[in-house]
Amino acid sequence: MNIKQTELTPGYPILEITHPAVTARIALCGAHLMEWTPAGHDPVLYLSPQALYEEGKPIRGGVPLCWPWFGGHPDDPALPSHGLVRTRFWKQGPVTTDETGVTLKFSLTDDPESRRCWDHPFHLELEIRLGATLQLSLQMTNSGSSAVNLTSALHTYLAIGDIRQIRITGLDGVPYLDTVGSRTVHQQSGDITFDREVDRLYSTGSAVAVHDPVLQRIITVRSGGSGCSVVWNPWITKAARLTDLPDEDYQRFVCVETANAWDDVITIAPGATHTLTTGLEIRRTSRAK
């Protein structure tokens, strides 16, 4: 096993992990998991070839951490989308390893800069377990003297063969908020397929599976501490507006996100902790199932 720290750009360190069971890359900015490739598999996470690597800029792809708000700030649209922790440098903690993989820990605590955006004391710990499966656990502790309400997400970009050919199961019959155009509530009927922009918040924390006949695999996403699952693909028009994403790459990823959002706003009492987790499993298949 080998963990090497290098820089993608000056002053922008990342960790490169090589283990018989897995290879991975993690940026210290945002404690951002950029790559997870179990042995014998193609990369499972999508990372834009036009992603930006500088402090204060989010990385397009991998698993961004959205906290303490998901999407735009509910009261101040001038504040950064998806919160303030995905663009800040985290402190690396202990690393443990065994024959099945590697576990890394990272932490982030409030400071004067964070309090200018969100005036609450906090302490965050992220644990990333890398191996044949992936597990991320974001532990949020309220260090202040009053309760806080927040939303959050583990914004997972999954690499796929062709957006038009995948289907997503596990959400049949679940209510969802459709945020494309006017915000409207619907109920899912059958599998999710894609022929346009999709941006939906599903009122469930149940397991969701992405069936990919091109890459011949099924990716299962399992959630914990969550009552909301987000499914997103920007499609043609929105992808063309994203400067850190090649125009045609909307075809190569889908986001299936474990979240506390929409009707799943979290209240954390003083001194209390909430943990949000997501787990990914891969199963090979020679045909769509």
C-alpha atoms as a PDB file:
ATOM      1  CA  MET A   1       0.000   0.000   0.000  1.00  0.00           C
ATOM      2  CA  ASN A   2       1.240   3.484  -0.837  1.00  0.00           C
ATOM      3  CA  ILE A   3      -0.129   6.972  -0.108  1.00  0.00           C
ATOM      4  CA  LYS A   4       1.660   9.807  -1.847  1.00  0.00           C
ATOM      5  CA  GLN A   5       0.964  13.522  -1.470  1.00  0.00           C
ATOM      6  CA  THR A   6       1.467  15.550  -4.614  1.00  0.00           C
ATOM      7  CA  GLU A   7       0.174  18.823  -6.069  1.00  0.00           C
ATOM      8  CA  LEU A   8      -2.171  19.148  -9.037  1.00  0.00           C
ATOM      9  CA  THR A   9      -1.403  22.867  -9.160  1.00  0.00           C
ATOM     10  CA  PRO A  10       0.927  24.903  -6.914  1.00  0.00           C
ATOM     11  CA  GLY A  11      -0.428  24.944  -3.362  1.00  0.00           C
ATOM     12  CA  TYR A  12      -3.181  22.426  -4.168  1.00  0.00           C
ATOM     13  CA  PRO A  13      -2.242  19.095  -2.528  1.00  0.00           C
ATOM     14  CA  ILE A  14      -3.923  15.781  -3.232  1.00  0.00           C
ATOM     15  CA  LEU A  15      -3.415  12.261  -1.908  1.00  0.00           C
ATOM     16  CA  GLU A  16      -2.824   9.405  -4.330  1.00  0.00           C
ATOM     17  CA  ILE A  17      -3.721   6.020  -2.801  1.00  0.00           C
ATOM     18  CA  THR A  18      -2.493   2.748  -4.279  1.00  0.00           C
ATOM     19  CA  HIS A  19      -3.567  -0.511  -2.637  1.00  0.00           C
ATOM     20  CA  PRO A  20      -4.022  -4.049  -4.035  1.00  0.00           C
ATOM     21  CA  ALA A  21      -7.796  -3.630  -3.548  1.00  0.00           C
ATOM     22  CA  VAL A  22      -8.246  -0.063  -4.792  1.00  0.00           C
ATOM     23  CA  THR A  23      -6.759   3.106  -6.224  1.00  0.00           C
ATOM     24  CA  ALA A  24      -8.061   6.555  -5.332  1.00  0.00           C
ATOM     25  CA  ARG A  25      -7.297  10.265  -5.224  1.00  0.00           C
ATOM     26  CA  ILE A  26      -8.448  12.785  -2.624  1.00  0.00           C
ATOM     27  CA  ALA A  27      -8.012  16.571  -2.713  1.00  0.00           C
ATOM     28  CA  LEU A  28      -7.396  18.212   0.662  1.00  0.00           C
ATOM     29  CA  CYS A  29      -9.446  21.145  -0.612  1.00  0.00           C
ATOM     30  CA  GLY A  30     -12.963  20.059   0.299  1.00  0.00           C
ATOM     31  CA  ALA A  31     -11.737  16.634   1.510  1.00  0.00           C
ATOM     32  CA  HIS A  32     -12.913  15.812  -1.973  1.00  0.00           C
ATOM     33  CA  LEU A  33     -12.841  12.208  -3.188  1.00  0.00           C
ATOM     34  CA  MET A  34     -11.898  12.577  -6.840  1.00  0.00           C
ATOM     35  CA  GLU A  35     -11.369   8.940  -7.849  1.00  0.00           C
ATOM     36  CA  TRP A  36     -12.385   5.527  -6.548  1.00  0.00           C
ATOM     37  CA  THR A  37     -11.415   2.535  -8.684  1.00  0.00           C
ATOM     38  CA  PRO A  38     -11.757  -0.922  -7.081  1.00  0.00           C
ATOM     39  CA  ALA A  39      -9.358  -3.527  -8.432  1.00  0.00           C
ATOM     40  CA  GLY A  40     -10.676  -5.099 -11.631  1.00  0.00           C
ATOM     41  CA  HIS A  41     -13.174  -2.307 -12.353  1.00  0.00           C
ATOM     42  CA  ASP A  42     -13.348   0.833 -14.441  1.00  0.00           C
ATOM     43  CA  PRO A  43     -13.384   4.120 -12.490  1.00  0.00           C
ATOM     44  CA  VAL A  44     -16.703   4.440 -10.658  1.00  0.00           C
ATOM     45  CA  LEU A  45     -16.687   8.221 -10.148  1.00  0.00           C
ATOM     46  CA  TYR A  46     -16.863  10.780 -12.946  1.00  0.00           C
ATOM     47  CA  LEU A  47     -14.335  13.635 -12.854  1.00  0.00           C
ATOM     48  CA  SER A  48     -14.541  16.442 -15.404  1.00  0.00           C
ATOM     49  CA  PRO A  49     -11.381  16.876 -17.496  1.00  0.00           C
ATOM     50  CA  GLN A  50     -12.032  20.631 -17.185  1.00  0.00           C
ATOM     51  CA  ALA A  51     -12.343  20.627 -13.381  1.00  0.00           C
ATOM     52  CA  LEU A  52     -10.765  23.579 -11.568  1.00  0.00           C
ATOM     53  CA  TYR A  53      -8.104  22.991  -8.931  1.00  0.00           C
ATOM     54  CA  GLU A  54      -7.743  26.102  -6.803  1.00  0.00           C
ATOM     55  CA  GLU A  55      -8.813  27.141  -3.325  1.00  0.00           C
ATOM     56  CA  GLY A  56     -12.274  28.695  -3.326  1.00  0.00           C
ATOM     57  CA  LYS A  57     -13.396  26.795  -6.447  1.00  0.00           C
ATOM     58  CA  PRO A  58     -15.410  23.554  -6.320  1.00  0.00           C
ATOM     59  CA  ILE A  59     -14.268  20.463  -8.215  1.00  0.00           C
ATOM     60  CA  ARG A  60     -16.677  19.241 -10.883  1.00  0.00           C
ATOM     61  CA  GLY A  61     -17.030  15.514 -10.286  1.00  0.00           C
ATOM     62  CA  GLY A  62     -16.078  12.960  -7.665  1.00  0.00           C
ATOM     63  CA  VAL A  63     -17.934  13.488  -4.372  1.00  0.00           C
ATOM     64  CA  PRO A  64     -18.297  17.161  -3.364  1.00  0.00           C
ATOM     65  CA  LEU A  65     -19.425  17.805   0.230  1.00  0.00           C
ATOM     66  CA  CYS A  66     -22.445  20.127   0.358  1.00  0.00           C
ATOM     67  CA  TRP A  67     -22.797  21.716   3.820  1.00  0.00           C
ATOM     68  CA  PRO A  68     -24.427  23.512   5.697  1.00  0.00           C
ATOM     69  CA  TRP A  69     -26.848  24.148   2.876  1.00  0.00           C
ATOM     70  CA  PHE A  70     -27.727  22.201  -0.256  1.00  0.00           C
ATOM     71  CA  GLY A  71     -28.237  24.174  -3.467  1.00  0.00           C
ATOM     72  CA  GLY A  72     -28.558  27.928  -3.161  1.00  0.00           C
ATOM     73  CA  HIS A  73     -28.576  29.571   0.258  1.00  0.00           C
ATOM     74  CA  PRO A  74     -32.225  29.863   1.382  1.00  0.00           C
ATOM     75  CA  ASP A  75     -31.909  33.541   2.384  1.00  0.00           C
ATOM     76  CA  ASP A  76     -28.896  35.032   0.585  1.00  0.00           C
ATOM     77  CA  PRO A  77     -28.357  34.128  -3.094  1.00  0.00           C
ATOM     78  CA  ALA A  78     -24.982  35.912  -3.018  1.00  0.00           C
ATOM     79  CA  LEU A  79     -23.530  33.148  -0.853  1.00  0.00           C
ATOM     80  CA  PRO A  80     -21.881  30.182  -2.603  1.00  0.00           C
ATOM     81  CA  SER A  81     -24.069  27.357  -3.861  1.00  0.00           C
ATOM     82  CA  HIS A  82     -23.908  24.129  -1.831  1.00  0.00           C
ATOM     83  CA  GLY A  83     -22.359  25.736   1.227  1.00  0.00           C
ATOM     84  CA  LEU A  84     -18.853  26.593   2.321  1.00  0.00           C
ATOM     85  CA  VAL A  85     -16.891  23.418   3.082  1.00  0.00           C
ATOM     86  CA  ARG A  86     -16.308  21.983  -0.410  1.00  0.00           C
ATOM     87  CA  THR A  87     -13.945  24.861  -1.248  1.00  0.00           C
ATOM     88  CA  ARG A  88     -11.879  24.963   1.962  1.00  0.00           C
ATOM     89  CA  PHE A  89      -8.780  22.992   2.944  1.00  0.00           C
ATOM     90  CA  TRP A  90      -9.446  20.238   5.497  1.00  0.00           C
ATOM     91  CA  LYS A  91      -7.004  18.766   8.019  1.00  0.00           C
ATOM     92  CA  GLN A  92      -5.883  15.222   7.294  1.00  0.00           C
ATOM     93  CA  GLY A  93      -6.233  12.824  10.209  1.00  0.00           C
ATOM     94  CA  PRO A  94      -5.330   9.172  10.816  1.00  0.00           C
ATOM     95  CA  VAL A  95      -4.930   6.611   8.039  1.00  0.00           C
ATOM     96  CA  THR A  96      -5.499   2.907   8.661  1.00  0.00           C
ATOM     97  CA  THR A  97      -5.103   0.021   6.260  1.00  0.00           C
ATOM     98  CA  ASP A  98      -5.636  -3.725   6.072  1.00  0.00           C
ATOM     99  CA  GLU A  99      -5.930  -6.329   3.337  1.00  0.00           C
ATOM    100  CA  THR A 100      -9.393  -5.065   2.307  1.00  0.00           C
ATOM    101  CA  GLY A 101      -8.514  -1.405   1.776  1.00  0.00           C
ATOM    102  CA  VAL A 102      -7.743   1.981   3.301  1.00  0.00           C
ATOM    103  CA  THR A 103      -9.598   4.299   5.703  1.00  0.00           C
ATOM    104  CA  LEU A 104      -8.773   8.009   5.880  1.00  0.00           C
ATOM    105  CA  LYS A 105     -10.143  10.730   8.160  1.00  0.00           C
ATOM    106  CA  PHE A 106     -10.359  14.481   7.689  1.00  0.00           C
ATOM    107  CA  SER A 107     -11.661  17.335   9.861  1.00  0.00           C
ATOM    108  CA  LEU A 108     -12.757  20.951   9.570  1.00  0.00           C
ATOM    109  CA  THR A 109     -13.708  23.453  12.289  1.00  0.00           C
ATOM    110  CA  ASP A 110     -15.320  26.887  12.088  1.00  0.00           C
ATOM    111  CA  ASP A 111     -13.123  29.982  11.992  1.00  0.00           C
ATOM    112  CA  PRO A 112     -13.629  33.721  11.396  1.00  0.00           C
ATOM    113  CA  GLU A 113     -13.822  33.200   7.622  1.00  0.00           C
ATOM    114  CA  SER A 114     -16.508  30.513   7.857  1.00  0.00           C
ATOM    115  CA  ARG A 115     -18.522  32.577  10.331  1.00  0.00           C
ATOM    116  CA  ARG A 116     -18.795  35.403   7.827  1.00  0.00           C
ATOM    117  CA  CYS A 117     -20.905  33.039   5.693  1.00  0.00           C
ATOM    118  CA  TRP A 118     -22.527  30.951   8.441  1.00  0.00           C
ATOM    119  CA  ASP A 119     -22.297  32.352  11.949  1.00  0.00           C
ATOM    120  CA  HIS A 120     -22.341  29.082  13.923  1.00  0.00           C
ATOM    121  CA  PRO A 121     -19.587  27.077  15.643  1.00  0.00           C
ATOM    122  CA  PHE A 122     -19.159  23.580  14.193  1.00  0.00           C
ATOM    123  CA  HIS A 123     -16.827  20.630  13.888  1.00  0.00           C
ATOM    124  CA  LEU A 124     -16.938  18.259  10.913  1.00  0.00           C
ATOM    125  CA  GLU A 125     -15.277  14.878  10.523  1.00  0.00           C
ATOM    126  CA  LEU A 126     -15.242  12.924   7.279  1.00  0.00           C
ATOM    127  CA  GLU A 127     -14.311   9.247   7.122  1.00  0.00           C
ATOM    128  CA  ILE A 128     -13.606   7.668   3.721  1.00  0.00           C
ATOM    129  CA  ARG A 129     -13.369   3.877   3.531  1.00  0.00           C
ATOM    130  CA  LEU A 130     -11.890   2.683   0.238  1.00  0.00           C
ATOM    131  CA  GLY A 131     -11.885  -0.883  -1.004  1.00  0.00           C
ATOM    132  CA  ALA A 132     -14.086  -3.132  -3.117  1.00  0.00           C
ATOM    133  CA  THR A 133     -16.900  -0.962  -1.743  1.00  0.00           C
ATOM    134  CA  LEU A 134     -16.893   2.725  -0.808  1.00  0.00           C
ATOM    135  CA  GLN A 135     -18.290   4.345   2.336  1.00  0.00           C
ATOM    136  CA  LEU A 136     -18.257   8.040   3.191  1.00  0.00           C
ATOM    137  CA  SER A 137     -19.444   9.270   6.597  1.00  0.00           C
ATOM    138  CA  LEU A 138     -19.827  12.987   7.292  1.00  0.00           C
ATOM    139  CA  GLN A 139     -20.195  13.641  11.032  1.00  0.00           C
ATOM    140  CA  MET A 140     -21.537  17.093  11.894  1.00  0.00           C
ATOM    141  CA  THR A 141     -21.222  18.392  15.456  1.00  0.00           C
ATOM    142  CA  ASN A 142     -22.907  21.568  16.678  1.00  0.00           C
ATOM    143  CA  SER A 143     -20.279  23.238  18.874  1.00  0.00           C
ATOM    144  CA  GLY A 144     -22.489  26.212  19.691  1.00  0.00           C
ATOM    145  CA  SER A 145     -25.035  27.033  22.376  1.00  0.00           C
ATOM    146  CA  SER A 146     -28.161  27.108  20.194  1.00  0.00           C
ATOM    147  CA  ALA A 147     -29.768  24.611  17.816  1.00  0.00           C
ATOM    148  CA  VAL A 148     -29.003  24.893  14.101  1.00  0.00           C
ATOM    149  CA  ASN A 149     -31.044  23.906  11.053  1.00  0.00           C
ATOM    150  CA  LEU A 150     -29.132  22.781   7.994  1.00  0.00           C
ATOM    151  CA  THR A 151     -29.222  20.822   4.766  1.00  0.00           C
ATOM    152  CA  SER A 152     -26.376  18.808   3.263  1.00  0.00           C
ATOM    153  CA  ALA A 153     -25.415  16.218   0.661  1.00  0.00           C
ATOM    154  CA  LEU A 154     -22.737  13.794  -0.446  1.00  0.00           C
ATOM    155  CA  HIS A 155     -22.967  14.875  -4.089  1.00  0.00           C
ATOM    156  CA  THR A 156     -21.803  11.706  -5.854  1.00  0.00           C
ATOM    157  CA  TYR A 157     -21.002  11.850  -9.587  1.00  0.00           C
ATOM    158  CA  LEU A 158     -21.211   8.325 -11.035  1.00  0.00           C
ATOM    159  CA  ALA A 159     -19.383   7.443 -14.250  1.00  0.00           C
ATOM    160  CA  ILE A 160     -21.663   5.816 -16.844  1.00  0.00           C
ATOM    161  CA  GLY A 161     -21.419   4.629 -20.432  1.00  0.00           C
ATOM    162  CA  ASP A 162     -24.328   6.591 -21.935  1.00  0.00           C
ATOM    163  CA  ILE A 163     -26.971   8.641 -20.103  1.00  0.00           C
ATOM    164  CA  ARG A 164     -29.607   7.639 -22.666  1.00  0.00           C
ATOM    165  CA  GLN A 165     -29.143   3.942 -21.932  1.00  0.00           C
ATOM    166  CA  ILE A 166     -29.014   3.811 -18.137  1.00  0.00           C
ATOM    167  CA  ARG A 167     -31.984   3.365 -15.856  1.00  0.00           C
ATOM    168  CA  ILE A 168     -32.339   3.947 -12.129  1.00  0.00           C
ATOM    169  CA  THR A 169     -34.390   1.668  -9.889  1.00  0.00           C
ATOM    170  CA  GLY A 170     -35.454   1.827  -6.262  1.00  0.00           C
ATOM    171  CA  LEU A 171     -37.586   4.973  -6.440  1.00  0.00           C
ATOM    172  CA  ASP A 172     -40.850   3.693  -7.918  1.00  0.00           C
ATOM    173  CA  GLY A 173     -43.806   5.223  -6.081  1.00  0.00           C
ATOM    174  CA  VAL A 174     -41.682   7.778  -4.185  1.00  0.00           C
ATOM    175  CA  PRO A 175     -42.773  11.468  -4.101  1.00  0.00           C
ATOM    176  CA  TYR A 176     -40.254  13.905  -5.548  1.00  0.00           C
ATOM    177  CA  LEU A 177     -39.736  17.618  -6.026  1.00  0.00           C
ATOM    178  CA  ASP A 178     -38.919  18.465  -9.643  1.00  0.00           C
ATOM    179  CA  THR A 179     -36.775  21.618  -9.719  1.00  0.00           C
ATOM    180  CA  VAL A 180     -36.469  21.930 -13.515  1.00  0.00           C
ATOM    181  CA  GLY A 181     -38.599  24.954 -14.419  1.00  0.00           C
ATOM    182  CA  SER A 182     -41.374  25.543 -11.894  1.00  0.00           C
ATOM    183  CA  ARG A 183     -40.866  23.590  -8.676  1.00  0.00           C
ATOM    184  CA  THR A 184     -43.563  20.917  -8.679  1.00  0.00           C
ATOM    185  CA  VAL A 185     -44.188  17.735  -6.689  1.00  0.00           C
ATOM    186  CA  HIS A 186     -44.818  14.421  -8.459  1.00  0.00           C
ATOM    187  CA  GLN A 187     -44.721  10.689  -7.726  1.00  0.00           C
ATOM    188  CA  GLN A 188     -42.242   8.449  -9.510  1.00  0.00           C
ATOM    189  CA  SER A 189     -43.777   5.804 -11.747  1.00  0.00           C
ATOM    190  CA  GLY A 190     -41.445   2.979 -12.742  1.00  0.00           C
ATOM    191  CA  ASP A 191     -37.728   3.341 -13.435  1.00  0.00           C
ATOM    192  CA  ILE A 192     -35.996   6.661 -14.090  1.00  0.00           C
ATOM    193  CA  THR A 193     -34.695   7.068 -17.641  1.00  0.00           C
ATOM    194  CA  PHE A 194     -33.179  10.132 -19.291  1.00  0.00           C
ATOM    195  CA  ASP A 195     -34.106  12.106 -22.392  1.00  0.00           C
ATOM    196  CA  ARG A 196     -33.896  15.627 -20.884  1.00  0.00           C
ATOM    197  CA  GLU A 197     -32.542  17.543 -17.896  1.00  0.00           C
ATOM    198  CA  VAL A 198     -33.390  15.854 -14.589  1.00  0.00           C
ATOM    199  CA  ASP A 199     -33.046  17.550 -11.196  1.00  0.00           C
ATOM    200  CA  ARG A 200     -35.210  15.808  -8.598  1.00  0.00           C
ATOM    201  CA  LEU A 201     -35.279  15.470  -4.824  1.00  0.00           C
ATOM    202  CA  TYR A 202     -36.882  12.179  -3.775  1.00  0.00           C
ATOM    203  CA  SER A 203     -38.404  11.861  -0.321  1.00  0.00           C
ATOM    204  CA  THR A 204     -36.616   8.666   0.672  1.00  0.00           C
ATOM    205  CA  GLY A 205     -33.347   7.345   2.006  1.00  0.00           C
ATOM    206  CA  SER A 206     -33.755   3.861   0.510  1.00  0.00           C
ATOM    207  CA  ALA A 207     -31.184   2.150  -1.705  1.00  0.00           C
ATOM    208  CA  VAL A 208     -31.006   3.279  -5.336  1.00  0.00           C
ATOM    209  CA  ALA A 209     -29.424   1.310  -8.203  1.00  0.00           C
ATOM    210  CA  VAL A 210     -27.970   2.597 -11.486  1.00  0.00           C
ATOM    211  CA  HIS A 211     -28.171  -0.044 -14.254  1.00  0.00           C
ATOM    212  CA  ASP A 212     -25.552   0.579 -16.951  1.00  0.00           C
ATOM    213  CA  PRO A 213     -25.681  -1.772 -19.968  1.00  0.00           C
ATOM    214  CA  VAL A 214     -22.746  -0.058 -21.701  1.00  0.00           C
ATOM    215  CA  LEU A 215     -20.251  -0.496 -18.857  1.00  0.00           C
ATOM    216  CA  GLN A 216     -22.035  -3.752 -17.903  1.00  0.00           C
ATOM    217  CA  ARG A 217     -22.441  -3.006 -14.224  1.00  0.00           C
ATOM    218  CA  ILE A 218     -24.940  -2.018 -11.575  1.00  0.00           C
ATOM    219  CA  ILE A 219     -23.962   0.623  -9.023  1.00  0.00           C
ATOM    220  CA  THR A 220     -25.998   0.535  -5.811  1.00  0.00           C
ATOM    221  CA  VAL A 221     -26.089   3.637  -3.623  1.00  0.00           C
ATOM    222  CA  ARG A 222     -27.016   3.086   0.041  1.00  0.00           C
ATOM    223  CA  SER A 223     -27.785   5.994   2.373  1.00  0.00           C
ATOM    224  CA  GLY A 224     -27.688   6.584   6.109  1.00  0.00           C
ATOM    225  CA  GLY A 225     -28.864   9.555   8.152  1.00  0.00           C
ATOM    226  CA  SER A 226     -30.800  10.712   5.114  1.00  0.00           C
ATOM    227  CA  GLY A 227     -34.432  11.076   4.124  1.00  0.00           C
ATOM    228  CA  CYS A 228     -33.734  12.477   0.658  1.00  0.00           C
ATOM    229  CA  SER A 229     -32.110  11.148  -2.513  1.00  0.00           C
ATOM    230  CA  VAL A 230     -31.193  13.533  -5.331  1.00  0.00           C
ATOM    231  CA  VAL A 231     -30.973  12.507  -8.992  1.00  0.00           C
ATOM    232  CA  TRP A 232     -29.370  15.005 -11.387  1.00  0.00           C
ATOM    233  CA  ASN A 233     -28.152  15.291 -14.946  1.00  0.00           C
ATOM    234  CA  PRO A 234     -27.799  18.720 -16.623  1.00  0.00           C
ATOM    235  CA  TRP A 235     -28.502  17.511 -20.199  1.00  0.00           C
ATOM    236  CA  ILE A 236     -27.464  19.512 -23.253  1.00  0.00           C
ATOM    237  CA  THR A 237     -28.359  23.150 -22.609  1.00  0.00           C
ATOM    238  CA  LYS A 238     -27.222  23.400 -18.999  1.00  0.00           C
ATOM    239  CA  ALA A 239     -24.041  21.402 -19.657  1.00  0.00           C
ATOM    240  CA  ALA A 240     -23.085  23.936 -22.327  1.00  0.00           C
ATOM    241  CA  ARG A 241     -23.318  26.710 -19.701  1.00  0.00           C
ATOM    242  CA  LEU A 242     -20.960  24.951 -17.261  1.00  0.00           C
ATOM    243  CA  THR A 243     -17.455  26.151 -18.078  1.00  0.00           C
ATOM    244  CA  ASP A 244     -15.798  23.376 -16.047  1.00  0.00           C
ATOM    245  CA  LEU A 245     -17.608  20.610 -17.967  1.00  0.00           C
ATOM    246  CA  PRO A 246     -17.088  19.573 -21.607  1.00  0.00           C
ATOM    247  CA  ASP A 247     -20.296  20.136 -23.578  1.00  0.00           C
ATOM    248  CA  GLU A 248     -20.790  16.461 -24.402  1.00  0.00           C
ATOM    249  CA  ASP A 249     -19.873  15.041 -20.995  1.00  0.00           C
ATOM    250  CA  TYR A 250     -23.440  15.199 -19.672  1.00  0.00           C
ATOM    251  CA  GLN A 251     -23.681  11.810 -21.398  1.00  0.00           C
ATOM    252  CA  ARG A 252     -20.952  10.330 -19.165  1.00  0.00           C
ATOM    253  CA  PHE A 253     -22.285  10.853 -15.645  1.00  0.00           C
ATOM    254  CA  VAL A 254     -25.327  10.854 -13.427  1.00  0.00           C
ATOM    255  CA  CYS A 255     -25.491  12.201  -9.884  1.00  0.00           C
ATOM    256  CA  VAL A 256     -27.254  10.064  -7.274  1.00  0.00           C
ATOM    257  CA  GLU A 257     -26.839  11.930  -4.014  1.00  0.00           C
ATOM    258  CA  THR A 258     -27.447  11.085  -0.375  1.00  0.00           C
ATOM    259  CA  ALA A 259     -28.918  14.250   1.099  1.00  0.00           C
ATOM    260  CA  ASN A 260     -30.677  16.078   3.867  1.00  0.00           C
ATOM    261  CA  ALA A 261     -32.762  18.431   1.719  1.00  0.00           C
ATOM    262  CA  TRP A 262     -36.301  19.445   0.703  1.00  0.00           C
ATOM    263  CA  ASP A 263     -38.505  17.962   3.494  1.00  0.00           C
ATOM    264  CA  ASP A 264     -35.462  16.478   5.276  1.00  0.00           C
ATOM    265  CA  VAL A 265     -33.995  19.551   6.985  1.00  0.00           C
ATOM    266  CA  ILE A 266     -31.823  18.515   9.958  1.00  0.00           C
ATOM    267  CA  THR A 267     -31.924  20.221  13.357  1.00  0.00           C
ATOM    268  CA  ILE A 268     -28.832  19.657  15.511  1.00  0.00           C
ATOM    269  CA  ALA A 269     -29.075  20.576  19.185  1.00  0.00           C
ATOM    270  CA  PRO A 270     -26.127  22.179  21.031  1.00  0.00           C
ATOM    271  CA  GLY A 271     -23.414  19.580  21.518  1.00  0.00           C
ATOM    272  CA  ALA A 272     -25.240  17.034  19.358  1.00  0.00           C
ATOM    273  CA  THR A 273     -24.012  15.240  16.233  1.00  0.00           C
ATOM    274  CA  HIS A 274     -25.650  14.077  13.018  1.00  0.00           C
ATOM    275  CA  THR A 275     -23.967  11.624  10.623  1.00  0.00           C
ATOM    276  CA  LEU A 276     -24.729  11.422   6.905  1.00  0.00           C
ATOM    277  CA  THR A 277     -23.397   8.364   5.064  1.00  0.00           C
ATOM    278  CA  THR A 278     -23.341   7.004   1.550  1.00  0.00           C
ATOM    279  CA  GLY A 279     -22.095   3.617   0.387  1.00  0.00           C
ATOM    280  CA  LEU A 280     -21.399   2.384  -3.144  1.00  0.00           C
ATOM    281  CA  GLU A 281     -21.342  -1.220  -4.311  1.00  0.00           C
ATOM    282  CA  ILE A 282     -20.544  -2.515  -7.795  1.00  0.00           C
ATOM    283  CA  ARG A 283     -21.923  -5.613  -9.448  1.00  0.00           C
ATOM    284  CA  ARG A 284     -20.877  -6.794 -12.869  1.00  0.00           C
ATOM    285  CA  THR A 285     -23.561  -7.722 -15.374  1.00  0.00           C
ATOM    286  CA  SER A 286     -23.399  -8.757 -19.023  1.00  0.00           C
ATOM    287  CA  ARG A 287     -26.786  -7.194 -19.741  1.00  0.00           C
ATOM    288  CA  ALA A 288     -29.193  -4.674 -18.255  1.00  0.00           C
ATOM    289  CA  LYS A 289     -31.156  -6.026 -15.323  1.00  0.00           C
END
